[in-house]
Amino acid sequence: MSSGTGLCSSTILIGLLLLAKGTCGSRRFRTDFLQDIPTPSTSGPIFDPSTPSNLTTLAGNIAFLHCKVKNLGNRTVSWVRHRDIHLLTAGRYTYTSDQRFEALHTPHTEEWTLRIKYPQKKDSGIYECQISTTPPIGHFVYMNVVEPKTEVEGGPDMYINEGSTINLTCVVENSPDPAPVINWSHNKETISFDSPRGGISLVTEKGSTTTSKLLIQKAVVKDSGIYACEPFNMTASSVRVHILDGEHQAAMHHAHGSSVSPTIITALITLTVLHWYRMGWI
């Protein structure tokens, strides 16, 4: 190529750039083209060793899988789901119909992030951040999606002597942030802490594991029934509480202190069923 031809080509290129700069679309031109021109590198691309390889996230939240690449040059970074060898993203573009997945990248940075909205348990598994070298190289990230779990300790049945304190503990594991509001109910009616009955208190400790303790002092027979721990917008857990009066306490004491005969067992069951019938629970 002659020097005149080279000068002409350079002049045309500069003219095009000036034209782009002078139009209303110049900002888009600079953002979508100029900022994505790869930076020359003297060595091949490598993954930043500080990039996490494991991620635990809560179902329903937003998960961010990070990948940091140095000396990328003119290569492309993609995210691949290993479960079905599905290409999710390439560069800043998404290649899946599942709109929960999205590629995030700021030009001139080394971060290439895969964002997953509302992850589900089935989304757990290995995801690969892959660079288009020959052969391709990849960084693997294992994502574990956990779901909240609610449990009332001591269930499904608890036996408490009349006059004692009912102490129920509800544990919510993998609690979301912020921790959910926890309500308690007795026989499907929300427990009121300022009811005439009195002696009812609640202690809650919030965190990744949230604990709610329901305390009811001086238990009486009518306090028997089903108590449910109900975190907001989550699965509830319940326990059936049996308040033993003097007659029931004697039967239980005799049953624990000696060999239990079928007659005693039958009598105890009959008394319990009759009590439930009088209270309208069956």
Protein backbone atom coordinates (compact mmCIF):
# COMPACT_ATOMS: atom_id res chain seq x y z
CA MET A 1 0.00 0.00 0.00
CA SER A 2 1.38 3.44 -0.94
CA SER A 3 1.83 6.19 1.60
CA GLY A 4 -0.87 8.20 -0.19
CA THR A 5 -3.38 5.39 0.17
CA GLY A 6 -2.52 4.95 3.86
CA LEU A 7 -2.92 8.68 4.46
CA CYS A 8 -6.27 8.63 2.68
CA SER A 9 -7.49 5.69 4.80
CA SER A 10 -6.40 7.40 7.99
CA THR A 11 -8.14 10.61 6.94
CA ILE A 12 -11.37 8.72 6.24
CA LEU A 13 -11.20 6.93 9.61
CA ILE A 14 -10.60 10.20 11.48
CA GLY A 15 -13.42 11.81 9.53
CA LEU A 16 -15.81 9.01 10.52
CA LEU A 17 -14.83 9.37 14.16
CA LEU A 18 -15.35 13.13 14.06
CA LEU A 19 -18.70 12.63 12.35
CA ALA A 20 -19.76 10.17 15.03
CA LYS A 21 -18.66 12.61 17.71
CA GLY A 22 -20.69 15.41 16.21
CA THR A 23 -23.98 13.52 15.95
CA CYS A 24 -26.65 12.84 18.58
CA GLY A 25 -25.61 9.19 18.56
CA SER A 26 -22.02 9.90 19.59
CA ARG A 27 -22.57 8.84 23.18
CA ARG A 28 -23.93 5.45 22.13
CA PHE A 29 -21.06 5.08 19.64
CA ARG A 30 -18.45 5.69 22.31
CA THR A 31 -20.18 3.43 24.84
CA ASP A 32 -20.98 0.46 22.61
CA PHE A 33 -17.86 0.50 20.43
CA LEU A 34 -14.92 2.53 21.62
CA GLN A 35 -15.09 1.40 25.26
CA ASP A 36 -15.20 -2.25 24.23
CA ILE A 37 -12.03 -2.10 22.12
CA PRO A 38 -9.80 -4.69 23.85
CA THR A 39 -6.74 -3.43 25.63
CA PRO A 40 -3.56 -4.96 24.18
CA SER A 41 -1.88 -7.41 26.53
CA THR A 42 1.54 -8.97 26.54
CA SER A 43 0.47 -12.26 28.14
CA GLY A 44 -2.51 -14.60 28.01
CA PRO A 45 -5.65 -14.16 30.12
CA ILE A 46 -5.70 -15.49 33.67
CA PHE A 47 -8.34 -15.71 36.39
CA ASP A 48 -7.87 -13.72 39.56
CA PRO A 49 -7.16 -16.35 42.26
CA SER A 50 -9.18 -14.34 44.80
CA THR A 51 -12.41 -15.05 42.88
CA PRO A 52 -14.76 -17.14 45.10
CA SER A 53 -15.46 -20.72 44.03
CA ASN A 54 -18.46 -21.34 46.28
CA LEU A 55 -21.65 -19.40 46.86
CA THR A 56 -24.55 -20.14 49.19
CA THR A 57 -27.66 -18.09 48.54
CA LEU A 58 -31.22 -18.05 49.80
CA ALA A 59 -34.05 -19.12 47.51
CA GLY A 60 -35.95 -16.10 46.22
CA ASN A 61 -33.09 -13.63 46.69
CA ILE A 62 -30.74 -12.35 43.96
CA ALA A 63 -27.50 -14.29 43.43
CA PHE A 64 -24.31 -12.80 41.96
CA LEU A 65 -21.65 -15.16 40.56
CA HIS A 66 -18.40 -13.24 40.15
CA CYS A 67 -15.54 -13.82 37.76
CA LYS A 68 -12.44 -11.63 37.49
CA VAL A 69 -10.18 -11.97 34.43
CA LYS A 70 -6.82 -10.28 33.87
CA ASN A 71 -5.21 -9.70 30.45
CA LEU A 72 -8.36 -10.64 28.58
CA GLY A 73 -7.25 -9.02 25.33
CA ASN A 74 -9.66 -9.71 22.47
CA ARG A 75 -11.14 -12.86 24.02
CA THR A 76 -14.72 -13.29 25.16
CA VAL A 77 -15.94 -14.27 28.63
CA SER A 78 -18.97 -16.57 28.80
CA TRP A 79 -21.00 -18.21 31.56
CA VAL A 80 -22.01 -21.86 31.09
CA ARG A 81 -24.35 -23.91 33.29
CA HIS A 82 -22.89 -27.40 33.65
CA ARG A 83 -26.13 -29.18 34.52
CA ASP A 84 -27.23 -29.10 30.89
CA ILE A 85 -24.13 -27.54 29.25
CA HIS A 86 -26.21 -24.46 28.51
CA LEU A 87 -24.60 -21.21 27.33
CA LEU A 88 -26.11 -18.48 29.49
CA THR A 89 -24.12 -15.39 28.54
CA ALA A 90 -21.33 -14.31 26.19
CA GLY A 91 -19.70 -10.97 26.81
CA ARG A 92 -22.44 -8.58 27.90
CA TYR A 93 -25.16 -10.48 26.07
CA THR A 94 -27.56 -13.11 27.43
CA TYR A 95 -28.21 -16.28 25.42
CA THR A 96 -31.04 -17.92 27.34
CA SER A 97 -34.80 -17.45 27.30
CA ASP A 98 -34.82 -17.64 31.10
CA GLN A 99 -34.99 -13.94 31.97
CA ARG A 100 -33.73 -14.58 35.50
CA PHE A 101 -30.18 -14.79 34.10
CA GLU A 102 -28.30 -11.64 33.09
CA ALA A 103 -24.71 -10.72 32.23
CA LEU A 104 -23.21 -7.74 34.06
CA HIS A 105 -20.01 -6.02 32.99
CA THR A 106 -18.67 -2.48 33.18
CA PRO A 107 -16.32 -1.57 30.28
CA HIS A 108 -12.61 -1.33 31.14
CA THR A 109 -13.02 -3.50 34.25
CA GLU A 110 -11.99 -7.09 34.92
CA GLU A 111 -15.31 -8.15 36.50
CA TRP A 112 -17.71 -10.41 34.58
CA THR A 113 -20.74 -11.19 36.72
CA LEU A 114 -23.67 -13.53 36.24
CA ARG A 115 -26.80 -12.28 38.01
CA ILE A 116 -29.56 -14.78 38.83
CA LYS A 117 -32.89 -13.40 40.01
CA TYR A 118 -35.06 -15.48 42.33
CA PRO A 119 -32.85 -18.62 42.37
CA GLN A 120 -34.58 -21.90 43.13
CA LYS A 121 -33.33 -25.12 44.70
CA LYS A 122 -33.04 -26.68 41.23
CA ASP A 123 -30.56 -23.94 40.22
CA SER A 124 -27.94 -25.38 42.57
CA GLY A 125 -24.87 -26.72 40.81
CA ILE A 126 -21.70 -25.79 38.92
CA TYR A 127 -21.42 -22.69 36.74
CA GLU A 128 -18.35 -22.04 34.61
CA CYS A 129 -16.85 -18.67 33.75
CA GLN A 130 -15.15 -19.51 30.45
CA ILE A 131 -12.58 -17.62 28.33
CA SER A 132 -12.53 -18.17 24.57
CA THR A 133 -8.90 -19.24 24.34
CA THR A 134 -7.76 -22.31 22.37
CA PRO A 135 -8.51 -24.53 24.15
CA PRO A 136 -10.98 -22.64 26.40
CA ILE A 137 -10.08 -22.16 30.06
CA GLY A 138 -12.61 -21.83 32.85
CA HIS A 139 -13.22 -20.92 36.47
CA PHE A 140 -15.86 -23.01 38.26
CA VAL A 141 -18.32 -21.66 40.81
CA TYR A 142 -20.58 -23.96 42.83
CA MET A 143 -23.86 -22.33 43.84
CA ASN A 144 -25.91 -23.85 46.65
CA VAL A 145 -29.48 -22.56 46.93
CA VAL A 146 -30.96 -23.13 50.38
CA GLU A 147 -34.56 -22.76 51.52
CA PRO A 148 -35.79 -21.51 54.91
CA LYS A 149 -36.88 -24.25 57.31
CA THR A 150 -39.23 -23.78 60.26
CA GLU A 151 -39.42 -26.19 63.20
CA VAL A 152 -40.94 -26.09 66.68
CA GLU A 153 -38.61 -28.04 68.94
CA GLY A 154 -39.95 -30.91 71.04
CA GLY A 155 -42.79 -31.85 68.69
CA PRO A 156 -45.00 -33.30 67.52
CA ASP A 157 -46.43 -33.69 71.08
CA MET A 158 -45.43 -32.08 74.37
CA TYR A 159 -46.76 -33.01 77.83
CA ILE A 160 -46.70 -30.29 80.50
CA ASN A 161 -47.96 -30.39 84.07
CA GLU A 162 -50.72 -28.03 85.07
CA GLY A 163 -49.31 -24.93 86.78
CA SER A 164 -45.96 -25.20 84.98
CA THR A 165 -44.64 -22.84 82.30
CA ILE A 166 -45.20 -23.69 78.65
CA ASN A 167 -41.89 -23.02 76.89
CA LEU A 168 -42.06 -23.38 73.10
CA THR A 169 -39.07 -22.69 70.86
CA CYS A 170 -39.41 -22.09 67.12
CA VAL A 171 -36.25 -22.18 64.99
CA VAL A 172 -36.12 -20.73 61.46
CA GLU A 173 -32.97 -21.91 59.69
CA ASN A 174 -31.59 -20.12 56.61
CA SER A 175 -33.59 -17.10 57.65
CA PRO A 176 -33.88 -14.32 55.05
CA ASP A 177 -32.51 -10.84 55.65
CA PRO A 178 -34.26 -9.01 57.18
CA ALA A 179 -35.55 -11.76 59.46
CA PRO A 180 -39.26 -12.51 59.04
CA VAL A 181 -41.95 -11.46 61.48
CA ILE A 182 -43.02 -14.55 63.44
CA ASN A 183 -46.56 -14.97 64.73
CA TRP A 184 -47.83 -17.65 67.10
CA SER A 185 -51.32 -19.12 67.12
CA HIS A 186 -53.22 -21.39 69.50
CA ASN A 187 -55.84 -23.60 67.86
CA LYS A 188 -55.69 -21.37 64.74
CA GLU A 189 -56.28 -18.15 66.70
CA THR A 190 -53.48 -15.58 66.86
CA ILE A 191 -52.06 -15.31 70.37
CA SER A 192 -52.57 -11.89 71.94
CA PHE A 193 -49.90 -10.83 74.41
CA ASP A 194 -52.20 -8.34 76.14
CA SER A 195 -55.12 -10.75 76.59
CA PRO A 196 -56.87 -11.02 79.99
CA ARG A 197 -55.19 -14.40 80.49
CA GLY A 198 -51.83 -12.69 81.07
CA GLY A 199 -48.50 -14.37 81.69
CA ILE A 200 -47.65 -14.61 77.97
CA SER A 201 -44.32 -13.36 76.64
CA LEU A 202 -42.21 -13.70 73.51
CA VAL A 203 -38.43 -13.58 73.06
CA THR A 204 -37.00 -13.38 69.52
CA GLU A 205 -33.35 -13.61 68.44
CA LYS A 206 -32.78 -12.64 64.80
CA GLY A 207 -29.96 -13.71 62.50
CA SER A 208 -29.15 -16.31 59.83
CA THR A 209 -30.95 -18.63 62.26
CA THR A 210 -33.91 -16.89 63.89
CA THR A 211 -35.26 -18.19 67.20
CA SER A 212 -38.64 -17.32 68.72
CA LYS A 213 -39.51 -18.45 72.27
CA LEU A 214 -43.12 -18.42 73.45
CA LEU A 215 -43.54 -18.51 77.25
CA ILE A 216 -46.92 -19.09 78.92
CA GLN A 217 -46.86 -19.11 82.71
CA LYS A 218 -49.09 -21.13 85.04
CA ALA A 219 -50.49 -23.46 82.41
CA VAL A 220 -54.11 -24.57 82.79
CA VAL A 221 -56.00 -27.34 81.03
CA LYS A 222 -57.57 -24.98 78.48
CA ASP A 223 -54.06 -24.03 77.33
CA SER A 224 -53.87 -27.47 75.70
CA GLY A 225 -54.08 -27.65 71.93
CA ILE A 226 -52.09 -26.96 68.79
CA TYR A 227 -49.54 -24.14 68.84
CA ALA A 228 -48.23 -22.99 65.46
CA CYS A 229 -45.15 -20.90 64.69
CA GLU A 230 -45.92 -18.89 61.55
CA PRO A 231 -43.07 -16.86 59.99
CA PHE A 232 -44.40 -14.32 57.48
CA ASN A 233 -44.58 -15.70 53.93
CA MET A 234 -42.96 -18.98 54.98
CA THR A 235 -44.03 -22.51 55.90
CA ALA A 236 -45.41 -22.84 59.44
CA SER A 237 -44.58 -25.52 62.01
CA SER A 238 -46.75 -26.71 64.90
CA VAL A 239 -46.77 -28.79 68.07
CA ARG A 240 -49.63 -30.28 70.09
CA VAL A 241 -49.43 -29.39 73.78
CA HIS A 242 -51.10 -31.57 76.42
CA ILE A 243 -51.65 -30.00 79.86
CA LEU A 244 -51.86 -32.76 82.46
CA ASP A 245 -54.07 -32.17 85.48
CA GLY A 246 -53.65 -34.15 88.73
CA GLU A 247 -55.43 -37.25 87.41
CA HIS A 248 -53.40 -37.35 84.21
CA GLN A 249 -50.16 -36.65 86.07
CA ALA A 250 -50.75 -39.66 88.36
CA ALA A 251 -51.42 -41.90 85.38
CA MET A 252 -48.29 -40.69 83.60
CA HIS A 253 -46.20 -41.09 86.77
CA HIS A 254 -47.45 -44.64 87.24
CA ALA A 255 -46.77 -45.42 83.60
CA HIS A 256 -43.16 -44.22 83.88
CA GLY A 257 -42.56 -45.85 87.29
CA SER A 258 -43.58 -49.40 86.41
CA SER A 259 -44.32 -51.68 83.51
CA VAL A 260 -47.25 -50.27 81.57
CA SER A 261 -50.26 -52.55 81.26
CA PRO A 262 -52.68 -52.33 78.32
CA THR A 263 -55.42 -51.29 80.76
CA ILE A 264 -53.49 -48.20 81.91
CA ILE A 265 -52.65 -47.21 78.34
CA THR A 266 -56.29 -47.58 77.29
CA ALA A 267 -57.48 -45.54 80.28
CA LEU A 268 -54.98 -42.75 79.58
CA ILE A 269 -55.95 -42.56 75.92
CA THR A 270 -59.66 -42.55 76.82
CA LEU A 271 -59.20 -39.69 79.31
CA THR A 272 -57.25 -37.66 76.77
CA VAL A 273 -59.83 -38.20 74.01
CA LEU A 274 -62.70 -37.29 76.35
CA HIS A 275 -60.89 -34.10 77.33
CA TRP A 276 -60.36 -33.12 73.70
CA TYR A 277 -64.04 -33.83 72.99
CA ARG A 278 -65.19 -31.58 75.84
CA MET A 279 -62.91 -28.80 74.59
CA GLY A 280 -64.32 -29.14 71.07
CA TRP A 281 -60.99 -30.07 69.45
CA ILE A 282 -62.34 -33.27 67.89
